[in-house]
C-alpha cells in the first residue's frame, strides 16, 4: 500500500521559536497544534512536524530540502528569520540544480533548491 501523506519530524528546543522560523522563512501554515508538537503544511500531502523536547537531537544524516522558485530569495528569507548560513546560493552542474544550505535554529541542515533540468517539470508538473 502506497502512503497517502508524509510528515518529517524534527525535535526542537523551543517550539514557538521553531514554528515562527518555518512559518516566516518558508511561509508554511500550521495544520495542527498538539500539546508539545505542531504540524506545518508544506504541500497538500507533505508536512513538517515540530516537537519540543528537553534535549533536542540533531540527526547528522538528515537534510530537509525544499524546492523553491527563487533560491537566492528563499536563502535570504531563511537568514532573516534566524538561520545560519552553511553555503551561499550556487549552481551545481553535476545535478543541474541551483541550491543553498542553512542551519535552522536547532542546527538542522536545510537546503533550498531549484531544478534546472527541464525533465523535473515534466515528471512533477506542480513543482
PDB file of N, CA and C in Angstrom:
ATOM      1  N   UNK A   1       0.841  -1.176   0.000  1.00  0.00           N
ATOM      2  CA  UNK A   1       0.000   0.000   0.000  1.00  0.00           C
ATOM      3  C   UNK A   1       0.892   1.248   0.000  1.00  0.00           C
ATOM      4  N   UNK A   2       0.636   2.134  -0.897  1.00  0.00           N
ATOM      5  CA  UNK A   2       1.411   3.368  -1.021  1.00  0.00           C
ATOM      6  C   UNK A   2       0.916   4.401  -0.001  1.00  0.00           C
ATOM      7  N   UNK A   3       1.825   5.098   0.717  1.00  0.00           N
ATOM      8  CA  UNK A   3       1.394   6.133   1.660  1.00  0.00           C
ATOM      9  C   UNK A   3       0.647   7.259   0.937  1.00  0.00           C
ATOM     10  N   UNK A   4      -0.252   7.906   1.649  1.00  0.00           N
ATOM     11  CA  UNK A   4      -1.019   8.999   1.057  1.00  0.00           C
ATOM     12  C   UNK A   4      -0.509  10.373   1.472  1.00  0.00           C
ATOM     13  N   UNK A   5       0.234  10.433   2.581  1.00  0.00           N
ATOM     14  CA  UNK A   5       0.794  11.691   3.054  1.00  0.00           C
ATOM     15  C   UNK A   5       2.140  11.407   3.713  1.00  0.00           C
ATOM     16  N   UNK A   6       2.909  12.477   3.991  1.00  0.00           N
ATOM     17  CA  UNK A   6       4.238  12.301   4.566  1.00  0.00           C
ATOM     18  C   UNK A   6       4.505  13.421   5.565  1.00  0.00           C
ATOM     19  N   UNK A   7       5.056  13.064   6.719  1.00  0.00           N
ATOM     20  CA  UNK A   7       5.470  14.045   7.727  1.00  0.00           C
ATOM     21  C   UNK A   7       6.929  13.774   8.073  1.00  0.00           C
ATOM     22  N   UNK A   8       7.740  14.801   8.026  1.00  0.00           N
ATOM     23  CA  UNK A   8       9.107  14.740   8.527  1.00  0.00           C
ATOM     24  C   UNK A   8       9.094  15.415   9.892  1.00  0.00           C
ATOM     25  N   UNK A   9       9.541  14.691  10.931  1.00  0.00           N
ATOM     26  CA  UNK A   9       9.515  15.211  12.300  1.00  0.00           C
ATOM     27  C   UNK A   9      10.889  15.712  12.715  1.00  0.00           C
ATOM     28  N   UNK A  10      10.913  16.874  13.353  1.00  0.00           N
ATOM     29  CA  UNK A  10      12.143  17.427  13.930  1.00  0.00           C
ATOM     30  C   UNK A  10      11.922  17.671  15.411  1.00  0.00           C
ATOM     31  N   UNK A  11      12.911  17.320  16.215  1.00  0.00           N
ATOM     32  CA  UNK A  11      12.884  17.658  17.634  1.00  0.00           C
ATOM     33  C   UNK A  11      13.531  19.024  17.795  1.00  0.00           C
ATOM     34  N   UNK A  12      12.866  19.907  18.544  1.00  0.00           N
ATOM     35  CA  UNK A  12      13.325  21.287  18.680  1.00  0.00           C
ATOM     36  C   UNK A  12      13.370  21.696  20.150  1.00  0.00           C
ATOM     37  N   UNK A  13      14.203  22.668  20.452  1.00  0.00           N
ATOM     38  CA  UNK A  13      14.341  23.151  21.828  1.00  0.00           C
ATOM     39  C   UNK A  13      13.193  24.079  22.215  1.00  0.00           C
ATOM     40  N   UNK A  14      12.756  24.920  21.289  1.00  0.00           N
ATOM     41  CA  UNK A  14      11.734  25.924  21.571  1.00  0.00           C
ATOM     42  C   UNK A  14      10.690  25.858  20.460  1.00  0.00           C
ATOM     43  N   UNK A  15       9.553  25.251  20.749  1.00  0.00           N
ATOM     44  CA  UNK A  15       8.523  25.038  19.737  1.00  0.00           C
ATOM     45  C   UNK A  15       8.029  26.351  19.141  1.00  0.00           C
ATOM     46  N   UNK A  16       7.773  27.353  19.973  1.00  0.00           N
ATOM     47  CA  UNK A  16       7.281  28.638  19.458  1.00  0.00           C
ATOM     48  C   UNK A  16       8.284  29.270  18.504  1.00  0.00           C
ATOM     49  N   UNK A  17       9.556  29.241  18.885  1.00  0.00           N
ATOM     50  CA  UNK A  17      10.606  29.832  18.052  1.00  0.00           C
ATOM     51  C   UNK A  17      10.744  29.088  16.720  1.00  0.00           C
ATOM     52  N   UNK A  18      10.740  27.763  16.766  1.00  0.00           N
ATOM     53  CA  UNK A  18      10.873  26.969  15.542  1.00  0.00           C
ATOM     54  C   UNK A  18       9.657  27.126  14.636  1.00  0.00           C
ATOM     55  N   UNK A  19       8.455  27.148  15.226  1.00  0.00           N
ATOM     56  CA  UNK A  19       7.245  27.362  14.439  1.00  0.00           C
ATOM     57  C   UNK A  19       7.329  28.702  13.722  1.00  0.00           C
ATOM     58  N   UNK A  20       7.690  29.745  14.454  1.00  0.00           N
ATOM     59  CA  UNK A  20       7.801  31.079  13.845  1.00  0.00           C
ATOM     60  C   UNK A  20       8.855  31.092  12.744  1.00  0.00           C
ATOM     61  N   UNK A  21       9.971  30.405  12.963  1.00  0.00           N
ATOM     62  CA  UNK A  21      11.039  30.353  11.960  1.00  0.00           C
ATOM     63  C   UNK A  21      10.521  29.767  10.645  1.00  0.00           C
ATOM     64  N   UNK A  22       9.917  28.589  10.687  1.00  0.00           N
ATOM     65  CA  UNK A  22       9.469  27.933   9.452  1.00  0.00           C
ATOM     66  C   UNK A  22       8.270  28.641   8.822  1.00  0.00           C
ATOM     67  N   UNK A  23       7.397  29.198   9.632  1.00  0.00           N
ATOM     68  CA  UNK A  23       6.261  29.939   9.071  1.00  0.00           C
ATOM     69  C   UNK A  23       6.728  31.233   8.415  1.00  0.00           C
ATOM     70  N   UNK A  24       7.662  31.933   9.045  1.00  0.00           N
ATOM     71  CA  UNK A  24       8.174  33.183   8.498  1.00  0.00           C
ATOM     72  C   UNK A  24       9.082  32.956   7.303  1.00  0.00           C
ATOM     73  N   UNK A  25      10.052  32.068   7.450  1.00  0.00           N
ATOM     74  CA  UNK A  25      11.075  31.887   6.417  1.00  0.00           C
ATOM     75  C   UNK A  25      10.534  31.225   5.161  1.00  0.00           C
ATOM     76  N   UNK A  26       9.643  30.243   5.317  1.00  0.00           N
ATOM     77  CA  UNK A  26       9.178  29.482   4.154  1.00  0.00           C
ATOM     78  C   UNK A  26       7.677  29.623   3.901  1.00  0.00           C
ATOM     79  N   UNK A  27       6.993  30.398   4.725  1.00  0.00           N
ATOM     80  CA  UNK A  27       5.569  30.615   4.505  1.00  0.00           C
ATOM     81  C   UNK A  27       4.701  29.406   4.783  1.00  0.00           C
ATOM     82  N   UNK A  28       5.182  28.492   5.641  1.00  0.00           N
ATOM     83  CA  UNK A  28       4.390  27.305   5.957  1.00  0.00           C
ATOM     84  C   UNK A  28       3.254  27.687   6.900  1.00  0.00           C
ATOM     85  N   UNK A  29       2.141  26.964   6.794  1.00  0.00           N
ATOM     86  CA  UNK A  29       0.982  27.203   7.651  1.00  0.00           C
ATOM     87  C   UNK A  29       0.838  26.084   8.666  1.00  0.00           C
ATOM     88  N   UNK A  30       0.378  26.438   9.850  1.00  0.00           N
ATOM     89  CA  UNK A  30       0.119  25.439  10.890  1.00  0.00           C
ATOM     90  C   UNK A  30      -1.145  24.670  10.520  1.00  0.00           C
ATOM     91  N   UNK A  31      -1.038  23.356  10.483  1.00  0.00           N
ATOM     92  CA  UNK A  31      -2.166  22.482  10.171  1.00  0.00           C
ATOM     93  C   UNK A  31      -2.792  21.931  11.443  1.00  0.00           C
ATOM     94  N   UNK A  32      -1.945  21.595  12.423  1.00  0.00           N
ATOM     95  CA  UNK A  32      -2.447  21.001  13.653  1.00  0.00           C
ATOM     96  C   UNK A  32      -1.528  21.368  14.808  1.00  0.00           C
ATOM     97  N   UNK A  33      -2.133  21.830  15.899  1.00  0.00           N
ATOM     98  CA  UNK A  33      -1.407  22.089  17.146  1.00  0.00           C
ATOM     99  C   UNK A  33      -1.680  20.941  18.095  1.00  0.00           C
ATOM    100  N   UNK A  34      -0.633  20.436  18.717  1.00  0.00           N
ATOM    101  CA  UNK A  34      -0.750  19.411  19.734  1.00  0.00           C
ATOM    102  C   UNK A  34      -0.067  19.942  20.990  1.00  0.00           C
ATOM    103  N   UNK A  35      -0.181  19.263  22.136  1.00  0.00           N
ATOM    104  CA  UNK A  35       0.388  19.814  23.369  1.00  0.00           C
ATOM    105  C   UNK A  35       1.866  20.205  23.278  1.00  0.00           C
ATOM    106  N   UNK A  36       2.715  19.371  22.707  1.00  0.00           N
ATOM    107  CA  UNK A  36       4.141  19.723  22.612  1.00  0.00           C
ATOM    108  C   UNK A  36       4.659  19.637  21.181  1.00  0.00           C
ATOM    109  N   UNK A  37       3.743  19.554  20.223  1.00  0.00           N
ATOM    110  CA  UNK A  37       4.130  19.451  18.808  1.00  0.00           C
ATOM    111  C   UNK A  37       3.207  20.298  17.951  1.00  0.00           C
ATOM    112  N   UNK A  38       3.648  20.607  16.760  1.00  0.00           N
ATOM    113  CA  UNK A  38       2.764  21.207  15.768  1.00  0.00           C
ATOM    114  C   UNK A  38       3.153  20.655  14.405  1.00  0.00           C
ATOM    115  N   UNK A  39       2.175  20.630  13.519  1.00  0.00           N
ATOM    116  CA  UNK A  39       2.403  20.122  12.168  1.00  0.00           C
ATOM    117  C   UNK A  39       2.170  21.262  11.193  1.00  0.00           C
ATOM    118  N   UNK A  40       3.167  21.505  10.347  1.00  0.00           N
ATOM    119  CA  UNK A  40       3.114  22.572   9.352  1.00  0.00           C
ATOM    120  C   UNK A  40       2.921  21.963   7.971  1.00  0.00           C
ATOM    121  N   UNK A  41       2.071  22.586   7.175  1.00  0.00           N
ATOM    122  CA  UNK A  41       1.789  22.103   5.818  1.00  0.00           C
ATOM    123  C   UNK A  41       2.833  22.649   4.844  1.00  0.00           C
ATOM    124  N   UNK A  42       3.445  21.731   4.079  1.00  0.00           N
ATOM    125  CA  UNK A  42       4.356  22.119   3.007  1.00  0.00           C
ATOM    126  C   UNK A  42       3.590  22.097   1.687  1.00  0.00           C
ATOM    127  N   UNK A  43       2.907  20.971   1.413  1.00  0.00           N
ATOM    128  CA  UNK A  43       2.035  20.830   0.242  1.00  0.00           C
ATOM    129  C   UNK A  43       0.771  20.127   0.717  1.00  0.00           C
ATOM    130  N   UNK A  44      -0.081  19.746  -0.225  1.00  0.00           N
ATOM    131  CA  UNK A  44      -1.308  19.046   0.158  1.00  0.00           C
ATOM    132  C   UNK A  44      -1.036  17.724   0.855  1.00  0.00           C
ATOM    133  N   UNK A  45       0.117  17.107   0.591  1.00  0.00           N
ATOM    134  CA  UNK A  45       0.391  15.782   1.153  1.00  0.00           C
ATOM    135  C   UNK A  45       1.713  15.684   1.912  1.00  0.00           C
ATOM    136  N   UNK A  46       2.443  16.780   2.028  1.00  0.00           N
ATOM    137  CA  UNK A  46       3.733  16.763   2.726  1.00  0.00           C
ATOM    138  C   UNK A  46       3.718  17.772   3.870  1.00  0.00           C
ATOM    139  N   UNK A  47       4.222  17.334   5.019  1.00  0.00           N
ATOM    140  CA  UNK A  47       4.158  18.148   6.228  1.00  0.00           C
ATOM    141  C   UNK A  47       5.489  18.125   6.967  1.00  0.00           C
ATOM    142  N   UNK A  48       5.709  19.160   7.774  1.00  0.00           N
ATOM    143  CA  UNK A  48       6.856  19.224   8.673  1.00  0.00           C
ATOM    144  C   UNK A  48       6.304  19.241  10.087  1.00  0.00           C
ATOM    145  N   UNK A  49       6.693  18.247  10.891  1.00  0.00           N
ATOM    146  CA  UNK A  49       6.264  18.183  12.272  1.00  0.00           C
ATOM    147  C   UNK A  49       7.380  18.667  13.187  1.00  0.00           C
ATOM    148  N   UNK A  50       7.030  19.521  14.131  1.00  0.00           N
ATOM    149  CA  UNK A  50       7.994  20.043  15.104  1.00  0.00           C
ATOM    150  C   UNK A  50       7.555  19.594  16.486  1.00  0.00           C
ATOM    151  N   UNK A  51       8.458  18.982  17.243  1.00  0.00           N
ATOM    152  CA  UNK A  51       8.144  18.520  18.600  1.00  0.00           C
ATOM    153  C   UNK A  51       9.172  19.053  19.583  1.00  0.00           C
ATOM    154  N   UNK A  52       8.687  19.738  20.618  1.00  0.00           N
ATOM    155  CA  UNK A  52       9.571  20.243  21.663  1.00  0.00           C
ATOM    156  C   UNK A  52      10.040  19.074  22.518  1.00  0.00           C
ATOM    157  N   UNK A  53      11.332  19.023  22.727  1.00  0.00           N
ATOM    158  CA  UNK A  53      11.934  18.002  23.572  1.00  0.00           C
ATOM    159  C   UNK A  53      12.957  18.670  24.472  1.00  0.00           C
ATOM    160  N   UNK A  54      13.067  18.240  25.736  1.00  0.00           N
ATOM    161  CA  UNK A  54      14.012  18.873  26.660  1.00  0.00           C
ATOM    162  C   UNK A  54      15.449  18.826  26.133  1.00  0.00           C
ATOM    163  N   UNK A  55      15.780  17.747  25.460  1.00  0.00           N
ATOM    164  CA  UNK A  55      17.112  17.625  24.872  1.00  0.00           C
ATOM    165  C   UNK A  55      16.947  17.306  23.394  1.00  0.00           C
ATOM    166  N   UNK A  56      16.738  18.366  22.578  1.00  0.00           N
ATOM    167  CA  UNK A  56      16.539  18.094  21.156  1.00  0.00           C
ATOM    168  C   UNK A  56      17.767  17.415  20.565  1.00  0.00           C
ATOM    169  N   UNK A  57      17.514  16.523  19.615  1.00  0.00           N
ATOM    170  CA  UNK A  57      18.598  15.788  18.975  1.00  0.00           C
ATOM    171  C   UNK A  57      18.734  16.234  17.533  1.00  0.00           C
ATOM    172  N   UNK A  58      19.964  16.354  17.109  1.00  0.00           N
ATOM    173  CA  UNK A  58      20.215  16.555  15.691  1.00  0.00           C
ATOM    174  C   UNK A  58      20.463  15.194  15.074  1.00  0.00           C
ATOM    175  N   UNK A  59      20.069  15.047  13.852  1.00  0.00           N
ATOM    176  CA  UNK A  59      20.315  13.810  13.117  1.00  0.00           C
ATOM    177  C   UNK A  59      21.299  14.154  12.016  1.00  0.00           C
ATOM    178  N   UNK A  60      22.570  13.764  12.166  1.00  0.00           N
ATOM    179  CA  UNK A  60      23.604  14.197  11.226  1.00  0.00           C
ATOM    180  C   UNK A  60      23.292  13.918   9.757  1.00  0.00           C
ATOM    181  N   UNK A  61      22.628  12.813   9.453  1.00  0.00           N
ATOM    182  CA  UNK A  61      22.349  12.497   8.054  1.00  0.00           C
ATOM    183  C   UNK A  61      21.087  13.144   7.509  1.00  0.00           C
ATOM    184  N   UNK A  62      20.334  13.850   8.347  1.00  0.00           N
ATOM    185  CA  UNK A  62      19.088  14.462   7.916  1.00  0.00           C
ATOM    186  C   UNK A  62      19.350  15.750   7.158  1.00  0.00           C
ATOM    187  N   UNK A  63      18.696  15.900   6.028  1.00  0.00           N
ATOM    188  CA  UNK A  63      18.746  17.139   5.255  1.00  0.00           C
ATOM    189  C   UNK A  63      17.328  17.435   4.808  1.00  0.00           C
ATOM    190  N   UNK A  64      16.781  18.566   5.250  1.00  0.00           N
ATOM    191  CA  UNK A  64      15.476  18.997   4.759  1.00  0.00           C
ATOM    192  C   UNK A  64      15.715  19.774   3.477  1.00  0.00           C
ATOM    193  N   UNK A  65      15.107  19.354   2.400  1.00  0.00           N
ATOM    194  CA  UNK A  65      15.281  20.033   1.115  1.00  0.00           C
ATOM    195  C   UNK A  65      13.927  20.559   0.657  1.00  0.00           C
ATOM    196  N   UNK A  66      13.854  21.859   0.441  1.00  0.00           N
ATOM    197  CA  UNK A  66      12.641  22.500  -0.029  1.00  0.00           C
ATOM    198  C   UNK A  66      12.874  22.992  -1.454  1.00  0.00           C
ATOM    199  N   UNK A  67      12.006  22.620  -2.377  1.00  0.00           N
ATOM    200  CA  UNK A  67      12.103  23.066  -3.761  1.00  0.00           C
ATOM    201  C   UNK A  67      11.421  24.428  -3.851  1.00  0.00           C
ATOM    202  N   UNK A  68      12.149  25.411  -4.361  1.00  0.00           N
ATOM    203  CA  UNK A  68      11.652  26.787  -4.441  1.00  0.00           C
ATOM    204  C   UNK A  68      11.883  27.341  -5.840  1.00  0.00           C
ATOM    205  N   UNK A  69      11.167  28.403  -6.175  1.00  0.00           N
ATOM    206  CA  UNK A  69      11.319  29.035  -7.484  1.00  0.00           C
ATOM    207  C   UNK A  69      12.531  29.958  -7.522  1.00  0.00           C
ATOM    208  N   UNK A  70      12.875  30.565  -6.374  1.00  0.00           N
ATOM    209  CA  UNK A  70      13.975  31.534  -6.323  1.00  0.00           C
ATOM    210  C   UNK A  70      14.871  31.202  -5.125  1.00  0.00           C
ATOM    211  N   UNK A  71      15.988  30.554  -5.402  1.00  0.00           N
ATOM    212  CA  UNK A  71      16.900  30.100  -4.347  1.00  0.00           C
ATOM    213  C   UNK A  71      17.468  31.273  -3.556  1.00  0.00           C
ATOM    214  N   UNK A  72      17.924  32.314  -4.233  1.00  0.00           N
ATOM    215  CA  UNK A  72      18.529  33.460  -3.537  1.00  0.00           C
ATOM    216  C   UNK A  72      17.526  34.130  -2.603  1.00  0.00           C
ATOM    217  N   UNK A  73      16.296  34.315  -3.062  1.00  0.00           N
ATOM    218  CA  UNK A  73      15.276  34.947  -2.221  1.00  0.00           C
ATOM    219  C   UNK A  73      14.933  34.064  -1.021  1.00  0.00           C
ATOM    220  N   UNK A  74      14.788  32.758  -1.242  1.00  0.00           N
ATOM    221  CA  UNK A  74      14.487  31.842  -0.134  1.00  0.00           C
ATOM    222  C   UNK A  74      15.638  31.817   0.868  1.00  0.00           C
ATOM    223  N   UNK A  75      16.861  31.806   0.368  1.00  0.00           N
ATOM    224  CA  UNK A  75      18.049  31.820   1.222  1.00  0.00           C
ATOM    225  C   UNK A  75      18.058  33.086   2.085  1.00  0.00           C
ATOM    226  N   UNK A  76      17.783  34.227   1.476  1.00  0.00           N
ATOM    227  CA  UNK A  76      17.739  35.493   2.218  1.00  0.00           C
ATOM    228  C   UNK A  76      16.647  35.474   3.286  1.00  0.00           C
ATOM    229  N   UNK A  77      15.462  34.959   2.953  1.00  0.00           N
ATOM    230  CA  UNK A  77      14.368  34.873   3.935  1.00  0.00           C
ATOM    231  C   UNK A  77      14.757  33.994   5.110  1.00  0.00           C
ATOM    232  N   UNK A  78      15.411  32.860   4.834  1.00  0.00           N
ATOM    233  CA  UNK A  78      15.861  31.967   5.904  1.00  0.00           C
ATOM    234  C   UNK A  78      16.853  32.668   6.823  1.00  0.00           C
ATOM    235  N   UNK A  79      17.799  33.393   6.236  1.00  0.00           N
ATOM    236  CA  UNK A  79      18.793  34.118   7.046  1.00  0.00           C
ATOM    237  C   UNK A  79      18.124  35.197   7.888  1.00  0.00           C
ATOM    238  N   UNK A  80      17.201  35.944   7.294  1.00  0.00           N
ATOM    239  CA  UNK A  80      16.495  36.999   8.045  1.00  0.00           C
ATOM    240  C   UNK A  80      15.658  36.411   9.176  1.00  0.00           C
ATOM    241  N   UNK A  81      15.178  35.178   8.990  1.00  0.00           N
ATOM    242  CA  UNK A  81      14.358  34.530  10.025  1.00  0.00           C
ATOM    243  C   UNK A  81      15.202  33.902  11.133  1.00  0.00           C
ATOM    244  N   UNK A  82      16.538  33.931  10.981  1.00  0.00           N
ATOM    245  CA  UNK A  82      17.401  33.432  12.052  1.00  0.00           C
ATOM    246  C   UNK A  82      18.247  32.226  11.715  1.00  0.00           C
ATOM    247  N   UNK A  83      18.237  31.787  10.464  1.00  0.00           N
ATOM    248  CA  UNK A  83      19.085  30.661  10.069  1.00  0.00           C
ATOM    249  C   UNK A  83      20.548  31.089  10.033  1.00  0.00           C
ATOM    250  N   UNK A  84      21.427  30.110  10.108  1.00  0.00           N
ATOM    251  CA  UNK A  84      22.867  30.327   9.966  1.00  0.00           C
ATOM    252  C   UNK A  84      23.277  29.778   8.608  1.00  0.00           C
ATOM    253  N   UNK A  85      24.039  30.561   7.861  1.00  0.00           N
ATOM    254  CA  UNK A  85      24.415  30.131   6.514  1.00  0.00           C
ATOM    255  C   UNK A  85      25.475  29.049   6.553  1.00  0.00           C
ATOM    256  N   UNK A  86      25.231  27.967   5.796  1.00  0.00           N
ATOM    257  CA  UNK A  86      26.231  26.923   5.555  1.00  0.00           C
ATOM    258  C   UNK A  86      26.945  27.196   4.243  1.00  0.00           C
ATOM    259  N   UNK A  87      26.175  27.531   3.203  1.00  0.00           N
ATOM    260  CA  UNK A  87      26.771  27.878   1.915  1.00  0.00           C
ATOM    261  C   UNK A  87      25.822  28.793   1.153  1.00  0.00           C
ATOM    262  N   UNK A  88      26.379  29.747   0.412  1.00  0.00           N
ATOM    263  CA  UNK A  88      25.541  30.681  -0.338  1.00  0.00           C
ATOM    264  C   UNK A  88      24.924  29.999  -1.563  1.00  0.00           C
ATOM    265  N   UNK A  89      23.959  30.651  -2.190  1.00  0.00           N
ATOM    266  CA  UNK A  89      23.379  30.094  -3.413  1.00  0.00           C
ATOM    267  C   UNK A  89      24.463  29.869  -4.464  1.00  0.00           C
ATOM    268  N   UNK A  90      24.353  28.713  -5.131  1.00  0.00           N
ATOM    269  CA  UNK A  90      25.334  28.411  -6.177  1.00  0.00           C
ATOM    270  C   UNK A  90      24.741  27.408  -7.162  1.00  0.00           C
ATOM    271  N   UNK A  91      25.346  27.370  -8.316  1.00  0.00           N
ATOM    272  CA  UNK A  91      24.947  26.427  -9.367  1.00  0.00           C
ATOM    273  C   UNK A  91      25.747  25.148  -9.177  1.00  0.00           C
ATOM    274  N   UNK A  92      25.088  24.000  -9.303  1.00  0.00           N
ATOM    275  CA  UNK A  92      25.744  22.704  -9.204  1.00  0.00           C
ATOM    276  C   UNK A  92      25.521  21.979 -10.527  1.00  0.00           C
ATOM    277  N   UNK A  93      26.534  22.017 -11.414  1.00  0.00           N
ATOM    278  CA  UNK A  93      26.353  21.419 -12.743  1.00  0.00           C
ATOM    279  C   UNK A  93      26.203  19.898 -12.713  1.00  0.00           C
ATOM    280  N   UNK A  94      26.754  19.244 -11.719  1.00  0.00           N
ATOM    281  CA  UNK A  94      26.648  17.784 -11.636  1.00  0.00           C
ATOM    282  C   UNK A  94      25.196  17.333 -11.572  1.00  0.00           C
ATOM    283  N   UNK A  95      24.384  18.046 -10.789  1.00  0.00           N
ATOM    284  CA  UNK A  95      22.983  17.668 -10.603  1.00  0.00           C
ATOM    285  C   UNK A  95      22.015  18.592 -11.341  1.00  0.00           C
ATOM    286  N   UNK A  96      22.539  19.574 -12.070  1.00  0.00           N
ATOM    287  CA  UNK A  96      21.708  20.543 -12.794  1.00  0.00           C
ATOM    288  C   UNK A  96      20.712  21.211 -11.851  1.00  0.00           C
ATOM    289  N   UNK A  97      21.251  21.766 -10.764  1.00  0.00           N
ATOM    290  CA  UNK A  97      20.427  22.465  -9.776  1.00  0.00           C
ATOM    291  C   UNK A  97      21.106  23.765  -9.365  1.00  0.00           C
ATOM    292  N   UNK A  98      20.321  24.641  -8.772  1.00  0.00           N
ATOM    293  CA  UNK A  98      20.819  25.794  -8.035  1.00  0.00           C
ATOM    294  C   UNK A  98      20.387  25.540  -6.599  1.00  0.00           C
ATOM    295  N   UNK A  99      21.287  25.763  -5.632  1.00  0.00           N
ATOM    296  CA  UNK A  99      20.920  25.458  -4.251  1.00  0.00           C
ATOM    297  C   UNK A  99      21.766  26.247  -3.264  1.00  0.00           C
ATOM    298  N   UNK A 100      21.296  26.246  -2.006  1.00  0.00           N
ATOM    299  CA  UNK A 100      21.996  26.878  -0.891  1.00  0.00           C
ATOM    300  C   UNK A 100      21.642  26.102   0.374  1.00  0.00           C
ATOM    301  N   UNK A 101      22.526  26.167   1.362  1.00  0.00           N
ATOM    302  CA  UNK A 101      22.316  25.440   2.618  1.00  0.00           C
ATOM    303  C   UNK A 101      22.376  26.400   3.801  1.00  0.00           C
ATOM    304  N   UNK A 102      21.499  26.144   4.780  1.00  0.00           N
ATOM    305  CA  UNK A 102      21.499  26.886   6.039  1.00  0.00           C
ATOM    306  C   UNK A 102      21.294  25.891   7.177  1.00  0.00           C
ATOM    307  N   UNK A 103      21.419  26.383   8.407  1.00  0.00           N
ATOM    308  CA  UNK A 103      21.062  25.621   9.615  1.00  0.00           C
ATOM    309  C   UNK A 103      19.907  26.345  10.289  1.00  0.00           C
ATOM    310  N   UNK A 104      18.873  25.591  10.661  1.00  0.00           N
ATOM    311  CA  UNK A 104      17.737  26.200  11.354  1.00  0.00           C
ATOM    312  C   UNK A 104      18.139  26.503  12.801  1.00  0.00           C
ATOM    313  N   UNK A 105      17.248  27.096  13.601  1.00  0.00           N
ATOM    314  CA  UNK A 105      17.614  27.474  14.979  1.00  0.00           C
ATOM    315  C   UNK A 105      18.106  26.317  15.850  1.00  0.00           C
ATOM    316  N   UNK A 106      17.757  25.081  15.509  1.00  0.00           N
ATOM    317  CA  UNK A 106      18.211  23.920  16.278  1.00  0.00           C
ATOM    318  C   UNK A 106      19.391  23.216  15.629  1.00  0.00           C
ATOM    319  N   UNK A 107      19.922  23.785  14.558  1.00  0.00           N
ATOM    320  CA  UNK A 107      21.089  23.215  13.910  1.00  0.00           C
ATOM    321  C   UNK A 107      20.785  22.191  12.825  1.00  0.00           C
ATOM    322  N   UNK A 108      19.498  21.970  12.513  1.00  0.00           N
ATOM    323  CA  UNK A 108      19.147  21.040  11.437  1.00  0.00           C
ATOM    324  C   UNK A 108      19.552  21.655  10.098  1.00  0.00           C
ATOM    325  N   UNK A 109      20.108  20.834   9.215  1.00  0.00           N
ATOM    326  CA  UNK A 109      20.550  21.320   7.908  1.00  0.00           C
ATOM    327  C   UNK A 109      19.355  21.429   6.963  1.00  0.00           C
ATOM    328  N   UNK A 110      19.228  22.589   6.315  1.00  0.00           N
ATOM    329  CA  UNK A 110      18.127  22.876   5.409  1.00  0.00           C
ATOM    330  C   UNK A 110      18.710  23.329   4.077  1.00  0.00           C
ATOM    331  N   UNK A 111      18.190  22.750   3.002  1.00  0.00           N
ATOM    332  CA  UNK A 111      18.599  23.143   1.653  1.00  0.00           C
ATOM    333  C   UNK A 111      17.395  23.747   0.942  1.00  0.00           C
ATOM    334  N   UNK A 112      17.641  24.833   0.205  1.00  0.00           N
ATOM    335  CA  UNK A 112      16.647  25.338  -0.737  1.00  0.00           C
ATOM    336  C   UNK A 112      17.226  25.091  -2.120  1.00  0.00           C
ATOM    337  N   UNK A 113      16.387  24.572  -3.008  1.00  0.00           N
ATOM    338  CA  UNK A 113      16.895  24.080  -4.284  1.00  0.00           C
ATOM    339  C   UNK A 113      15.922  24.388  -5.411  1.00  0.00           C
ATOM    340  N   UNK A 114      16.483  24.601  -6.589  1.00  0.00           N
ATOM    341  CA  UNK A 114      15.691  24.753  -7.816  1.00  0.00           C
ATOM    342  C   UNK A 114      16.303  23.842  -8.864  1.00  0.00           C
ATOM    343  N   UNK A 115      15.467  23.005  -9.479  1.00  0.00           N
ATOM    344  CA  UNK A 115      15.938  22.133 -10.552  1.00  0.00           C
ATOM    345  C   UNK A 115      16.096  22.934 -11.830  1.00  0.00           C
ATOM    346  N   UNK A 116      17.228  22.755 -12.495  1.00  0.00           N
ATOM    347  CA  UNK A 116      17.457  23.377 -13.790  1.00  0.00           C
ATOM    348  C   UNK A 116      17.172  22.399 -14.925  1.00  0.00           C
ATOM    349  N   UNK A 117      17.062  21.136 -14.601  1.00  0.00           N
ATOM    350  CA  UNK A 117      16.773  20.080 -15.571  1.00  0.00           C
ATOM    351  C   UNK A 117      15.292  20.147 -15.944  1.00  0.00           C
ATOM    352  N   UNK A 118      14.963  20.421 -17.215  1.00  0.00           N
ATOM    353  CA  UNK A 118      13.558  20.552 -17.598  1.00  0.00           C
ATOM    354  C   UNK A 118      12.742  19.269 -17.406  1.00  0.00           C
ATOM    355  N   UNK A 119      13.389  18.124 -17.318  1.00  0.00           N
ATOM    356  CA  UNK A 119      12.630  16.890 -17.115  1.00  0.00           C
ATOM    357  C   UNK A 119      11.995  16.839 -15.724  1.00  0.00           C
ATOM    358  N   UNK A 120      12.492  17.631 -14.743  1.00  0.00           N
ATOM    359  CA  UNK A 120      11.850  17.676 -13.431  1.00  0.00           C
ATOM    360  C   UNK A 120      10.421  18.215 -13.565  1.00  0.00           C
ATOM    361  N   UNK A 121      10.248  19.280 -14.342  1.00  0.00           N
ATOM    362  CA  UNK A 121       8.912  19.872 -14.514  1.00  0.00           C
ATOM    363  C   UNK A 121       7.963  18.900 -15.202  1.00  0.00           C
ATOM    364  N   UNK A 122       8.471  18.106 -16.132  1.00  0.00           N
ATOM    365  CA  UNK A 122       7.594  17.163 -16.831  1.00  0.00           C
ATOM    366  C   UNK A 122       7.180  16.019 -15.934  1.00  0.00           C
ATOM    367  N   UNK A 123       8.063  15.595 -15.040  1.00  0.00           N
ATOM    368  CA  UNK A 123       7.698  14.491 -14.160  1.00  0.00           C
ATOM    369  C   UNK A 123       6.963  14.970 -12.918  1.00  0.00           C
ATOM    370  N   UNK A 124       7.077  16.250 -12.587  1.00  0.00           N
ATOM    371  CA  UNK A 124       6.401  16.847 -11.424  1.00  0.00           C
ATOM    372  C   UNK A 124       5.805  18.191 -11.832  1.00  0.00           C
ATOM    373  N   UNK A 125       4.697  18.200 -12.569  1.00  0.00           N
ATOM    374  CA  UNK A 125       4.153  19.431 -13.109  1.00  0.00           C
ATOM    375  C   UNK A 125       3.807  20.483 -12.074  1.00  0.00           C
ATOM    376  N   UNK A 126       3.587  20.113 -10.823  1.00  0.00           N
ATOM    377  CA  UNK A 126       3.243  21.116  -9.807  1.00  0.00           C
ATOM    378  C   UNK A 126       4.463  21.793  -9.218  1.00  0.00           C
ATOM    379  N   UNK A 127       5.670  21.311  -9.538  1.00  0.00           N
ATOM    380  CA  UNK A 127       6.894  21.893  -8.972  1.00  0.00           C
ATOM    381  C   UNK A 127       7.204  23.225  -9.605  1.00  0.00           C
TER     382      UNK A 127
END
